[in-house]
Amino acid sequence: MIDRSATAVRPLPDELADRIDLAAPVFADNGLDATRIDDLAKATGIPRATLYYYFPGKEHILAHLLSRTLRQMTATLSDVAAEPGTGRERLARLVRAHLVFIGEHGPTYRLLFAELGRAASLVDIAAGVDVAILSPIRQALRDGHNDGSLHIDDVSAAASVVYGAVLVTGMQHLLLGTSGDLANRADAISNVILRGIGGKPTPRQSRRTTTGGT
């Protein structure tokens, strides 16, 4: 099969597309400017001349990596969103699947965080994120509101909150080295999202004690 990536000059064979994934840690560790084509050739095992045969430059390899990851995420989250259940159940599964995906694609996500401004000029990240992540989240929220498992006043705002919570959690895990498994963190994040933090506070018992008398 052929990966007809818009970021490649020629159709890219699957075997090369898989090997180019190995370039993500190089970009993430060095940054785009400091990364050389020779570095990418060494990391991927693809000769320098072959890389130039398929890509005009390293910027296009970066764009390819991010575009490929978004397509993979789209497929993953679409499958999760298609599973039966209430909107609430599907939303919790989407949160977990997204965090697990971030953990499994750590180098590419570190690259995205490090080169976000540059990446946005290479590929339409916003549109890709909307299709891959926000669209299934919005649908789960709408369905949850309709089936009574969720109470949503503004679907767009709620989707942004869910996406932001997942993205920041993943970023902290990858960039700051926070402890714990992302799948387990997904349960905690889902609890906060689904139960909320603005509920009616529980009255605290008075710490004052009486010594007899009123």
N, C-alpha and C. Protein backbone atom coordinates (compact mmCIF):
# COMPACT_ATOMS: atom_id res chain seq x y z
N MET A 1 0.84 -1.20 0.00
CA MET A 1 0.00 0.00 0.00
C MET A 1 0.87 1.24 0.00
N ILE A 2 0.28 2.36 -0.42
CA ILE A 2 1.03 3.60 -0.55
C ILE A 2 0.37 4.67 0.31
N ASP A 3 1.20 5.40 1.07
CA ASP A 3 0.73 6.54 1.84
C ASP A 3 0.88 7.78 0.98
N ARG A 4 -0.23 8.29 0.44
CA ARG A 4 -0.16 9.44 -0.46
C ARG A 4 -0.23 10.73 0.36
N SER A 5 0.82 10.95 1.15
CA SER A 5 0.87 12.12 2.01
C SER A 5 1.10 13.37 1.19
N ALA A 6 0.32 14.41 1.50
CA ALA A 6 0.48 15.68 0.80
C ALA A 6 1.80 16.34 1.12
N THR A 7 2.48 15.85 2.16
CA THR A 7 3.74 16.45 2.56
C THR A 7 4.93 15.79 1.88
N ALA A 8 4.70 14.76 1.09
CA ALA A 8 5.76 14.11 0.36
C ALA A 8 5.65 14.47 -1.12
N VAL A 9 6.79 14.50 -1.79
CA VAL A 9 6.81 14.81 -3.22
C VAL A 9 6.23 13.66 -4.02
N ARG A 10 6.55 12.44 -3.60
CA ARG A 10 6.10 11.23 -4.29
C ARG A 10 5.36 10.33 -3.31
N PRO A 11 4.51 9.42 -3.83
CA PRO A 11 3.84 8.46 -2.94
C PRO A 11 4.86 7.71 -2.09
N LEU A 12 4.58 7.61 -0.82
CA LEU A 12 5.54 7.05 0.14
C LEU A 12 5.15 5.63 0.51
N PRO A 13 6.00 4.63 0.24
CA PRO A 13 5.69 3.24 0.62
C PRO A 13 5.49 3.12 2.13
N ASP A 14 4.60 2.22 2.53
CA ASP A 14 4.31 2.05 3.95
C ASP A 14 5.55 1.73 4.77
N GLU A 15 6.45 0.91 4.21
CA GLU A 15 7.63 0.51 4.98
C GLU A 15 8.50 1.72 5.31
N LEU A 16 8.55 2.69 4.40
CA LEU A 16 9.32 3.91 4.67
C LEU A 16 8.57 4.81 5.64
N ALA A 17 7.25 4.87 5.51
CA ALA A 17 6.45 5.69 6.42
C ALA A 17 6.64 5.21 7.85
N ASP A 18 6.68 3.90 8.06
CA ASP A 18 6.88 3.36 9.41
C ASP A 18 8.27 3.72 9.93
N ARG A 19 9.27 3.66 9.08
CA ARG A 19 10.63 3.98 9.52
C ARG A 19 10.81 5.47 9.79
N ILE A 20 10.10 6.30 9.05
CA ILE A 20 10.20 7.74 9.27
C ILE A 20 9.64 8.13 10.63
N ASP A 21 8.77 7.31 11.19
CA ASP A 21 8.29 7.57 12.55
C ASP A 21 9.45 7.68 13.53
N LEU A 22 10.56 7.00 13.23
CA LEU A 22 11.73 7.03 14.11
C LEU A 22 12.42 8.39 14.11
N ALA A 23 12.01 9.28 13.22
CA ALA A 23 12.58 10.63 13.19
C ALA A 23 11.99 11.52 14.27
N ALA A 24 10.82 11.14 14.81
CA ALA A 24 10.14 11.99 15.79
C ALA A 24 11.00 12.29 17.01
N PRO A 25 11.66 11.28 17.64
CA PRO A 25 12.49 11.61 18.80
C PRO A 25 13.63 12.56 18.48
N VAL A 26 14.16 12.48 17.25
CA VAL A 26 15.26 13.37 16.86
C VAL A 26 14.77 14.81 16.81
N PHE A 27 13.64 15.03 16.17
CA PHE A 27 13.05 16.37 16.13
C PHE A 27 12.72 16.85 17.54
N ALA A 28 12.13 15.97 18.34
CA ALA A 28 11.70 16.36 19.68
C ALA A 28 12.89 16.73 20.56
N ASP A 29 14.00 16.01 20.44
CA ASP A 29 15.16 16.25 21.29
C ASP A 29 15.98 17.47 20.82
N ASN A 30 16.07 17.66 19.51
CA ASN A 30 16.95 18.70 18.97
C ASN A 30 16.24 19.95 18.51
N GLY A 31 14.94 19.84 18.20
CA GLY A 31 14.24 20.96 17.58
C GLY A 31 14.45 20.94 16.08
N LEU A 32 13.55 21.57 15.37
CA LEU A 32 13.61 21.55 13.91
C LEU A 32 14.88 22.20 13.38
N ASP A 33 15.24 23.36 13.89
CA ASP A 33 16.39 24.09 13.36
C ASP A 33 17.69 23.32 13.51
N ALA A 34 17.87 22.66 14.66
CA ALA A 34 19.13 21.97 14.93
C ALA A 34 19.19 20.57 14.34
N THR A 35 18.07 20.09 13.83
CA THR A 35 18.04 18.75 13.24
C THR A 35 18.53 18.81 11.80
N ARG A 36 19.43 17.88 11.45
CA ARG A 36 19.95 17.80 10.09
C ARG A 36 19.37 16.57 9.39
N ILE A 37 19.31 16.63 8.09
CA ILE A 37 18.84 15.48 7.32
C ILE A 37 19.70 14.26 7.63
N ASP A 38 21.00 14.47 7.83
CA ASP A 38 21.88 13.35 8.17
C ASP A 38 21.46 12.70 9.49
N ASP A 39 21.00 13.51 10.45
CA ASP A 39 20.52 12.96 11.73
C ASP A 39 19.30 12.07 11.49
N LEU A 40 18.42 12.55 10.61
CA LEU A 40 17.20 11.78 10.32
C LEU A 40 17.52 10.50 9.57
N ALA A 41 18.48 10.57 8.67
CA ALA A 41 18.89 9.38 7.93
C ALA A 41 19.46 8.32 8.88
N LYS A 42 20.27 8.77 9.84
CA LYS A 42 20.85 7.83 10.80
C LYS A 42 19.79 7.20 11.69
N ALA A 43 18.84 8.01 12.15
CA ALA A 43 17.80 7.51 13.06
C ALA A 43 16.85 6.54 12.37
N THR A 44 16.53 6.81 11.12
CA THR A 44 15.53 6.01 10.40
C THR A 44 16.14 4.86 9.60
N GLY A 45 17.44 4.96 9.32
CA GLY A 45 18.06 3.97 8.46
C GLY A 45 17.73 4.16 7.00
N ILE A 46 17.18 5.32 6.66
CA ILE A 46 16.85 5.64 5.28
C ILE A 46 17.95 6.56 4.72
N PRO A 47 18.56 6.19 3.63
CA PRO A 47 19.65 7.02 3.09
C PRO A 47 19.21 8.47 2.85
N ARG A 48 20.15 9.38 3.00
CA ARG A 48 19.89 10.81 2.83
C ARG A 48 19.27 11.09 1.46
N ALA A 49 19.81 10.47 0.43
CA ALA A 49 19.31 10.69 -0.93
C ALA A 49 17.86 10.22 -1.07
N THR A 50 17.53 9.13 -0.38
CA THR A 50 16.16 8.62 -0.45
C THR A 50 15.19 9.58 0.24
N LEU A 51 15.60 10.14 1.38
CA LEU A 51 14.76 11.12 2.06
C LEU A 51 14.47 12.31 1.15
N TYR A 52 15.51 12.78 0.47
CA TYR A 52 15.33 13.92 -0.44
C TYR A 52 14.51 13.53 -1.67
N TYR A 53 14.51 12.26 -2.01
CA TYR A 53 13.71 11.80 -3.14
C TYR A 53 12.22 11.96 -2.84
N TYR A 54 11.86 11.73 -1.56
CA TYR A 54 10.45 11.79 -1.17
C TYR A 54 10.04 13.13 -0.55
N PHE A 55 10.97 13.84 0.05
CA PHE A 55 10.63 15.08 0.74
C PHE A 55 11.54 16.22 0.31
N PRO A 56 10.98 17.42 0.08
CA PRO A 56 11.81 18.57 -0.28
C PRO A 56 12.79 18.97 0.82
N GLY A 57 12.42 18.75 2.09
CA GLY A 57 13.28 19.15 3.19
C GLY A 57 12.77 18.61 4.50
N LYS A 58 13.49 18.91 5.57
CA LYS A 58 13.13 18.37 6.88
C LYS A 58 11.79 18.91 7.39
N GLU A 59 11.43 20.13 6.97
CA GLU A 59 10.13 20.69 7.38
C GLU A 59 8.99 19.81 6.90
N HIS A 60 9.15 19.23 5.71
CA HIS A 60 8.10 18.38 5.15
C HIS A 60 8.05 17.02 5.85
N ILE A 61 9.21 16.57 6.35
CA ILE A 61 9.22 15.34 7.13
C ILE A 61 8.49 15.57 8.45
N LEU A 62 8.74 16.72 9.06
CA LEU A 62 8.02 17.09 10.28
C LEU A 62 6.52 17.13 10.03
N ALA A 63 6.12 17.78 8.96
CA ALA A 63 4.69 17.88 8.63
C ALA A 63 4.10 16.50 8.39
N HIS A 64 4.85 15.64 7.73
CA HIS A 64 4.39 14.27 7.49
C HIS A 64 4.14 13.53 8.80
N LEU A 65 5.06 13.65 9.73
CA LEU A 65 4.93 12.96 11.01
C LEU A 65 3.66 13.39 11.74
N LEU A 66 3.43 14.70 11.78
CA LEU A 66 2.27 15.21 12.50
C LEU A 66 0.97 14.84 11.78
N SER A 67 0.97 14.95 10.46
CA SER A 67 -0.21 14.60 9.68
C SER A 67 -0.55 13.12 9.82
N ARG A 68 0.46 12.29 9.78
CA ARG A 68 0.27 10.83 9.92
C ARG A 68 -0.30 10.49 11.30
N THR A 69 0.22 11.15 12.34
CA THR A 69 -0.26 10.89 13.69
C THR A 69 -1.72 11.30 13.83
N LEU A 70 -2.08 12.43 13.25
CA LEU A 70 -3.48 12.87 13.30
C LEU A 70 -4.40 11.88 12.60
N ARG A 71 -3.96 11.33 11.48
CA ARG A 71 -4.78 10.35 10.78
C ARG A 71 -4.95 9.09 11.62
N GLN A 72 -3.87 8.66 12.26
CA GLN A 72 -3.95 7.48 13.12
C GLN A 72 -4.90 7.74 14.30
N MET A 73 -4.81 8.94 14.88
CA MET A 73 -5.69 9.27 15.99
C MET A 73 -7.14 9.32 15.54
N THR A 74 -7.38 9.88 14.36
CA THR A 74 -8.73 9.92 13.82
C THR A 74 -9.33 8.52 13.75
N ALA A 75 -8.56 7.57 13.25
CA ALA A 75 -9.04 6.20 13.13
C ALA A 75 -9.29 5.59 14.50
N THR A 76 -8.37 5.82 15.44
CA THR A 76 -8.49 5.24 16.77
C THR A 76 -9.73 5.77 17.50
N LEU A 77 -9.87 7.09 17.53
CA LEU A 77 -10.99 7.68 18.26
C LEU A 77 -12.32 7.44 17.56
N SER A 78 -12.30 7.33 16.24
CA SER A 78 -13.54 7.02 15.52
C SER A 78 -14.05 5.64 15.91
N ASP A 79 -13.13 4.69 16.05
CA ASP A 79 -13.52 3.34 16.46
C ASP A 79 -14.11 3.36 17.88
N VAL A 80 -13.46 4.11 18.77
CA VAL A 80 -13.96 4.20 20.15
C VAL A 80 -15.33 4.86 20.19
N ALA A 81 -15.49 5.93 19.41
CA ALA A 81 -16.75 6.66 19.40
C ALA A 81 -17.89 5.81 18.85
N ALA A 82 -17.57 4.83 18.02
CA ALA A 82 -18.61 4.00 17.40
C ALA A 82 -19.08 2.88 18.32
N GLU A 83 -18.39 2.66 19.44
CA GLU A 83 -18.80 1.60 20.36
C GLU A 83 -20.12 1.98 21.03
N PRO A 84 -20.96 1.00 21.34
CA PRO A 84 -22.27 1.30 21.94
C PRO A 84 -22.13 1.82 23.37
N GLY A 85 -23.17 2.51 23.81
CA GLY A 85 -23.19 3.02 25.17
C GLY A 85 -23.80 4.41 25.21
N THR A 86 -24.01 4.90 26.42
CA THR A 86 -24.53 6.26 26.57
C THR A 86 -23.47 7.27 26.18
N GLY A 87 -23.89 8.51 25.99
CA GLY A 87 -22.92 9.56 25.70
C GLY A 87 -21.89 9.68 26.80
N ARG A 88 -22.32 9.54 28.04
CA ARG A 88 -21.41 9.62 29.18
C ARG A 88 -20.36 8.52 29.13
N GLU A 89 -20.79 7.31 28.83
CA GLU A 89 -19.86 6.18 28.75
C GLU A 89 -18.87 6.36 27.61
N ARG A 90 -19.37 6.82 26.47
CA ARG A 90 -18.49 7.01 25.32
C ARG A 90 -17.50 8.15 25.56
N LEU A 91 -17.95 9.19 26.25
CA LEU A 91 -17.04 10.29 26.56
C LEU A 91 -15.89 9.81 27.44
N ALA A 92 -16.19 9.01 28.44
CA ALA A 92 -15.14 8.48 29.32
C ALA A 92 -14.17 7.60 28.52
N ARG A 93 -14.70 6.81 27.58
CA ARG A 93 -13.82 5.97 26.76
C ARG A 93 -12.94 6.81 25.84
N LEU A 94 -13.49 7.91 25.32
CA LEU A 94 -12.70 8.79 24.46
C LEU A 94 -11.55 9.43 25.23
N VAL A 95 -11.82 9.86 26.47
CA VAL A 95 -10.77 10.44 27.31
C VAL A 95 -9.65 9.43 27.52
N ARG A 96 -10.04 8.21 27.86
CA ARG A 96 -9.02 7.16 28.09
C ARG A 96 -8.24 6.86 26.82
N ALA A 97 -8.94 6.68 25.70
CA ALA A 97 -8.28 6.32 24.45
C ALA A 97 -7.32 7.41 24.00
N HIS A 98 -7.71 8.67 24.19
CA HIS A 98 -6.85 9.78 23.79
C HIS A 98 -5.57 9.80 24.63
N LEU A 99 -5.71 9.64 25.94
CA LEU A 99 -4.53 9.65 26.81
C LEU A 99 -3.62 8.44 26.54
N VAL A 100 -4.20 7.29 26.30
CA VAL A 100 -3.39 6.12 25.96
C VAL A 100 -2.66 6.35 24.65
N PHE A 101 -3.33 6.97 23.68
CA PHE A 101 -2.71 7.27 22.39
C PHE A 101 -1.53 8.22 22.59
N ILE A 102 -1.70 9.25 23.42
CA ILE A 102 -0.60 10.18 23.69
C ILE A 102 0.59 9.43 24.27
N GLY A 103 0.32 8.52 25.22
CA GLY A 103 1.40 7.75 25.82
C GLY A 103 2.12 6.87 24.82
N GLU A 104 1.38 6.32 23.88
CA GLU A 104 1.97 5.43 22.88
C GLU A 104 2.71 6.18 21.78
N HIS A 105 2.44 7.47 21.63
CA HIS A 105 3.08 8.28 20.59
C HIS A 105 3.82 9.46 21.23
N GLY A 106 4.50 9.15 22.33
CA GLY A 106 5.18 10.18 23.11
C GLY A 106 6.12 11.07 22.31
N PRO A 107 7.04 10.52 21.51
CA PRO A 107 7.97 11.37 20.77
C PRO A 107 7.27 12.34 19.82
N THR A 108 6.23 11.87 19.13
CA THR A 108 5.52 12.76 18.21
C THR A 108 4.81 13.87 18.96
N TYR A 109 4.24 13.55 20.11
CA TYR A 109 3.57 14.58 20.91
C TYR A 109 4.57 15.57 21.50
N ARG A 110 5.72 15.08 21.94
CA ARG A 110 6.75 16.01 22.42
C ARG A 110 7.17 16.95 21.29
N LEU A 111 7.25 16.40 20.10
CA LEU A 111 7.58 17.20 18.93
C LEU A 111 6.51 18.24 18.67
N LEU A 112 5.26 17.84 18.77
CA LEU A 112 4.16 18.77 18.54
C LEU A 112 4.18 19.90 19.56
N PHE A 113 4.39 19.57 20.82
CA PHE A 113 4.43 20.60 21.86
C PHE A 113 5.61 21.55 21.63
N ALA A 114 6.75 21.00 21.22
CA ALA A 114 7.95 21.81 21.07
C ALA A 114 7.89 22.70 19.84
N GLU A 115 7.23 22.22 18.78
CA GLU A 115 7.25 22.95 17.51
C GLU A 115 5.85 23.39 17.09
N LEU A 116 4.98 23.67 18.08
CA LEU A 116 3.57 23.93 17.76
C LEU A 116 3.40 25.09 16.79
N GLY A 117 4.07 26.19 17.07
CA GLY A 117 3.92 27.35 16.18
C GLY A 117 4.38 27.06 14.77
N ARG A 118 5.51 26.37 14.66
CA ARG A 118 6.04 26.04 13.36
C ARG A 118 5.16 25.01 12.66
N ALA A 119 4.70 24.02 13.44
CA ALA A 119 3.87 22.97 12.84
C ALA A 119 2.59 23.53 12.27
N ALA A 120 2.03 24.52 12.96
CA ALA A 120 0.77 25.09 12.49
C ALA A 120 0.92 25.73 11.12
N SER A 121 2.13 26.15 10.76
CA SER A 121 2.34 26.75 9.46
C SER A 121 2.60 25.69 8.39
N LEU A 122 2.82 24.45 8.81
CA LEU A 122 3.13 23.40 7.85
C LEU A 122 1.90 22.57 7.50
N VAL A 123 1.09 22.28 8.47
CA VAL A 123 -0.13 21.51 8.25
C VAL A 123 -1.27 22.18 8.97
N ASP A 124 -2.47 21.89 8.55
CA ASP A 124 -3.62 22.52 9.19
C ASP A 124 -3.96 21.74 10.45
N ILE A 125 -3.18 22.02 11.51
CA ILE A 125 -3.34 21.29 12.75
C ILE A 125 -4.74 21.50 13.34
N ALA A 126 -5.20 22.72 13.30
CA ALA A 126 -6.50 23.01 13.90
C ALA A 126 -7.61 22.16 13.28
N ALA A 127 -7.63 22.09 11.95
CA ALA A 127 -8.65 21.30 11.26
C ALA A 127 -8.48 19.81 11.57
N GLY A 128 -7.23 19.36 11.64
CA GLY A 128 -6.98 17.96 11.95
C GLY A 128 -7.44 17.59 13.34
N VAL A 129 -7.17 18.47 14.30
CA VAL A 129 -7.60 18.23 15.68
C VAL A 129 -9.11 18.21 15.77
N ASP A 130 -9.76 19.10 15.04
CA ASP A 130 -11.22 19.15 15.08
C ASP A 130 -11.82 17.85 14.59
N VAL A 131 -11.28 17.30 13.51
CA VAL A 131 -11.81 16.06 12.96
C VAL A 131 -11.46 14.87 13.86
N ALA A 132 -10.21 14.82 14.31
CA ALA A 132 -9.73 13.66 15.05
C ALA A 132 -10.24 13.59 16.47
N ILE A 133 -10.33 14.74 17.13
CA ILE A 133 -10.59 14.74 18.57
C ILE A 133 -11.90 15.43 18.93
N LEU A 134 -12.03 16.69 18.54
CA LEU A 134 -13.17 17.47 19.00
C LEU A 134 -14.50 16.99 18.44
N SER A 135 -14.51 16.53 17.20
CA SER A 135 -15.76 16.08 16.60
C SER A 135 -16.38 14.90 17.35
N PRO A 136 -15.61 13.81 17.64
CA PRO A 136 -16.23 12.71 18.41
C PRO A 136 -16.58 13.11 19.83
N ILE A 137 -15.82 14.04 20.42
CA ILE A 137 -16.17 14.50 21.78
C ILE A 137 -17.49 15.26 21.74
N ARG A 138 -17.64 16.16 20.77
CA ARG A 138 -18.89 16.91 20.66
C ARG A 138 -20.07 15.97 20.46
N GLN A 139 -19.89 14.93 19.63
CA GLN A 139 -21.00 14.01 19.38
C GLN A 139 -21.38 13.26 20.65
N ALA A 140 -20.37 12.82 21.41
CA ALA A 140 -20.65 12.12 22.66
C ALA A 140 -21.38 13.04 23.64
N LEU A 141 -21.00 14.31 23.68
CA LEU A 141 -21.66 15.27 24.55
C LEU A 141 -23.11 15.49 24.13
N ARG A 142 -23.35 15.64 22.83
CA ARG A 142 -24.72 15.81 22.34
C ARG A 142 -25.57 14.59 22.67
N ASP A 143 -25.00 13.41 22.40
CA ASP A 143 -25.75 12.18 22.66
C ASP A 143 -26.03 12.02 24.16
N GLY A 144 -25.04 12.38 24.98
CA GLY A 144 -25.24 12.30 26.42
C GLY A 144 -26.31 13.25 26.90
N HIS A 145 -26.36 14.44 26.30
CA HIS A 145 -27.41 15.39 26.66
C HIS A 145 -28.78 14.85 26.24
N ASN A 146 -28.84 14.24 25.07
CA ASN A 146 -30.11 13.72 24.56
C ASN A 146 -30.58 12.49 25.33
N ASP A 147 -29.65 11.63 25.76
CA ASP A 147 -30.08 10.42 26.46
C ASP A 147 -30.17 10.63 27.98
N GLY A 148 -29.85 11.83 28.43
CA GLY A 148 -30.00 12.16 29.84
C GLY A 148 -28.83 11.78 30.72
N SER A 149 -27.75 11.23 30.14
CA SER A 149 -26.60 10.83 30.96
C SER A 149 -25.65 11.99 31.23
N LEU A 150 -25.83 13.09 30.48
CA LEU A 150 -25.03 14.30 30.68
C LEU A 150 -25.94 15.51 30.63
N HIS A 151 -25.50 16.57 31.26
CA HIS A 151 -26.25 17.83 31.23
C HIS A 151 -25.31 18.91 30.70
N ILE A 152 -25.51 19.30 29.45
CA ILE A 152 -24.60 20.20 28.76
C ILE A 152 -25.34 21.46 28.34
N ASP A 153 -24.83 22.62 28.76
CA ASP A 153 -25.40 23.88 28.32
C ASP A 153 -24.78 24.36 27.01
N ASP A 154 -23.47 24.12 26.85
CA ASP A 154 -22.75 24.58 25.67
C ASP A 154 -21.81 23.46 25.23
N VAL A 155 -22.18 22.76 24.16
CA VAL A 155 -21.41 21.61 23.69
C VAL A 155 -20.00 22.02 23.28
N SER A 156 -19.87 23.14 22.57
CA SER A 156 -18.56 23.57 22.10
C SER A 156 -17.63 23.88 23.27
N ALA A 157 -18.14 24.60 24.27
CA ALA A 157 -17.32 24.93 25.44
C ALA A 157 -16.94 23.67 26.21
N ALA A 158 -17.90 22.76 26.37
CA ALA A 158 -17.62 21.52 27.10
C ALA A 158 -16.57 20.68 26.37
N ALA A 159 -16.64 20.62 25.04
CA ALA A 159 -15.66 19.87 24.26
C ALA A 159 -14.26 20.45 24.44
N SER A 160 -14.17 21.78 24.46
CA SER A 160 -12.88 22.43 24.65
C SER A 160 -12.30 22.12 26.03
N VAL A 161 -13.16 22.08 27.04
CA VAL A 161 -12.71 21.75 28.40
C VAL A 161 -12.18 20.32 28.46
N VAL A 162 -12.90 19.39 27.86
CA VAL A 162 -12.48 17.98 27.85
C VAL A 162 -11.14 17.85 27.12
N TYR A 163 -11.06 18.44 25.94
CA TYR A 163 -9.83 18.35 25.15
C TYR A 163 -8.66 18.98 25.89
N GLY A 164 -8.88 20.14 26.49
CA GLY A 164 -7.82 20.82 27.23
C GLY A 164 -7.33 20.00 28.41
N ALA A 165 -8.25 19.38 29.13
CA ALA A 165 -7.86 18.56 30.28
C ALA A 165 -7.00 17.38 29.85
N VAL A 166 -7.39 16.75 28.76
CA VAL A 166 -6.62 15.60 28.27
C VAL A 166 -5.26 16.04 27.76
N LEU A 167 -5.22 17.11 26.99
CA LEU A 167 -3.96 17.56 26.40
C LEU A 167 -2.96 17.99 27.46
N VAL A 168 -3.40 18.76 28.44
CA VAL A 168 -2.50 19.22 29.50
C VAL A 168 -2.01 18.05 30.33
N THR A 169 -2.90 17.09 30.62
CA THR A 169 -2.48 15.91 31.36
C THR A 169 -1.40 15.14 30.61
N GLY A 170 -1.62 14.96 29.31
CA GLY A 170 -0.62 14.28 28.49
C GLY A 170 0.67 15.05 28.42
N MET A 171 0.59 16.37 28.29
CA MET A 171 1.78 17.21 28.21
C MET A 171 2.60 17.13 29.49
N GLN A 172 1.93 17.19 30.64
CA GLN A 172 2.64 17.08 31.91
C GLN A 172 3.35 15.74 32.03
N HIS A 173 2.68 14.70 31.57
CA HIS A 173 3.25 13.36 31.65
C HIS A 173 4.51 13.26 30.78
N LEU A 174 4.44 13.78 29.57
CA LEU A 174 5.54 13.63 28.63
C LEU A 174 6.69 14.60 28.87
N LEU A 175 6.36 15.83 29.21
CA LEU A 175 7.40 16.87 29.32
C LEU A 175 7.95 17.01 30.73
N LEU A 176 7.11 16.76 31.73
CA LEU A 176 7.55 16.96 33.11
C LEU A 176 7.86 15.64 33.82
N GLY A 177 7.57 14.54 33.16
CA GLY A 177 7.88 13.24 33.74
C GLY A 177 7.06 12.90 34.96
N THR A 178 5.77 13.30 34.95
CA THR A 178 4.92 12.99 36.10
C THR A 178 4.75 11.48 36.21
N SER A 179 4.61 11.03 37.42
CA SER A 179 4.50 9.59 37.66
C SER A 179 3.10 9.08 37.35
N GLY A 180 3.00 7.77 37.24
CA GLY A 180 1.70 7.16 37.01
C GLY A 180 1.46 6.83 35.55
N ASP A 181 0.53 5.92 35.33
CA ASP A 181 0.18 5.48 33.99
C ASP A 181 -0.92 6.38 33.44
N LEU A 182 -0.82 6.74 32.17
CA LEU A 182 -1.82 7.64 31.59
C LEU A 182 -3.21 7.02 31.56
N ALA A 183 -3.28 5.70 31.41
CA ALA A 183 -4.59 5.05 31.43
C ALA A 183 -5.24 5.21 32.80
N ASN A 184 -4.44 5.11 33.85
CA ASN A 184 -4.98 5.32 35.19
C ASN A 184 -5.35 6.78 35.42
N ARG A 185 -4.53 7.68 34.89
CA ARG A 185 -4.84 9.10 35.02
C ARG A 185 -6.15 9.42 34.32
N ALA A 186 -6.46 8.67 33.28
CA ALA A 186 -7.70 8.90 32.53
C ALA A 186 -8.92 8.76 33.43
N ASP A 187 -8.87 7.80 34.36
CA ASP A 187 -10.00 7.60 35.26
C ASP A 187 -10.19 8.82 36.16
N ALA A 188 -9.08 9.36 36.67
CA ALA A 188 -9.16 10.54 37.53
C ALA A 188 -9.68 11.75 36.76
N ILE A 189 -9.17 11.93 35.54
CA ILE A 189 -9.60 13.06 34.72
C ILE A 189 -11.09 12.93 34.38
N SER A 190 -11.52 11.72 34.04
CA SER A 190 -12.93 11.50 33.71
C SER A 190 -13.83 11.80 34.90
N ASN A 191 -13.39 11.43 36.10
CA ASN A 191 -14.19 11.71 37.28
C ASN A 191 -14.37 13.21 37.49
N VAL A 192 -13.30 13.97 37.28
CA VAL A 192 -13.41 15.43 37.43
C VAL A 192 -14.34 16.00 36.38
N ILE A 193 -14.18 15.54 35.13
CA ILE A 193 -15.00 16.05 34.04
C ILE A 193 -16.48 15.71 34.25
N LEU A 194 -16.75 14.47 34.61
CA LEU A 194 -18.12 14.00 34.69
C LEU A 194 -18.83 14.42 35.98
N ARG A 195 -18.09 14.54 37.05
CA ARG A 195 -18.71 14.94 38.31
C ARG A 195 -18.64 16.44 38.54
N GLY A 196 -17.67 17.08 37.90
CA GLY A 196 -17.55 18.52 38.05
C GLY A 196 -16.86 18.91 39.34
N ILE A 197 -16.45 20.18 39.41
CA ILE A 197 -15.79 20.68 40.62
C ILE A 197 -16.57 21.84 41.22
N GLY A 198 -17.73 22.11 40.66
CA GLY A 198 -18.51 23.25 41.15
C GLY A 198 -19.79 22.85 41.84
N GLY A 199 -19.84 21.62 42.35
CA GLY A 199 -21.04 21.17 43.02
C GLY A 199 -21.24 21.85 44.37
N LYS A 200 -22.37 21.57 44.95
CA LYS A 200 -22.68 22.16 46.25
C LYS A 200 -21.73 21.64 47.30
N PRO A 201 -21.01 22.51 48.02
CA PRO A 201 -20.04 22.05 49.01
C PRO A 201 -20.71 21.35 50.17
N THR A 202 -19.98 20.38 50.71
CA THR A 202 -20.48 19.66 51.87
C THR A 202 -20.19 20.48 53.12
N PRO A 203 -21.19 20.74 53.97
CA PRO A 203 -20.94 21.53 55.18
C PRO A 203 -19.89 20.88 56.07
N ARG A 204 -18.97 21.70 56.54
CA ARG A 204 -17.93 21.19 57.43
C ARG A 204 -18.40 21.27 58.87
N GLN A 205 -17.98 20.28 59.60
CA GLN A 205 -18.31 20.31 61.01
C GLN A 205 -17.51 21.41 61.71
N SER A 206 -18.13 22.04 62.66
CA SER A 206 -17.44 23.09 63.41
C SER A 206 -16.33 22.47 64.24
N ARG A 207 -15.18 23.13 64.20
CA ARG A 207 -14.06 22.62 64.97
C ARG A 207 -14.13 23.09 66.44
N ARG A 208 -15.04 23.99 66.71
CA ARG A 208 -15.13 24.47 68.08
C ARG A 208 -15.74 23.40 68.98
N THR A 209 -15.26 23.30 70.16
CA THR A 209 -15.81 22.37 71.13
C THR A 209 -16.35 23.15 72.32
N THR A 210 -17.35 22.62 72.92
CA THR A 210 -17.92 23.29 74.07
C THR A 210 -17.39 22.65 75.35
N THR A 211 -17.28 23.44 76.36
CA THR A 211 -16.75 22.95 77.63
C THR A 211 -17.83 22.94 78.70
N GLY A 212 -19.08 22.87 78.22
CA GLY A 212 -20.19 22.90 79.15
C GLY A 212 -20.73 24.31 79.25
N GLY A 213 -21.96 24.51 79.29
CA GLY A 213 -22.53 25.84 79.32
C GLY A 213 -22.84 26.28 77.92
N THR A 214 -23.64 27.29 77.75
CA THR A 214 -24.05 27.76 76.43
C THR A 214 -23.61 29.18 76.25
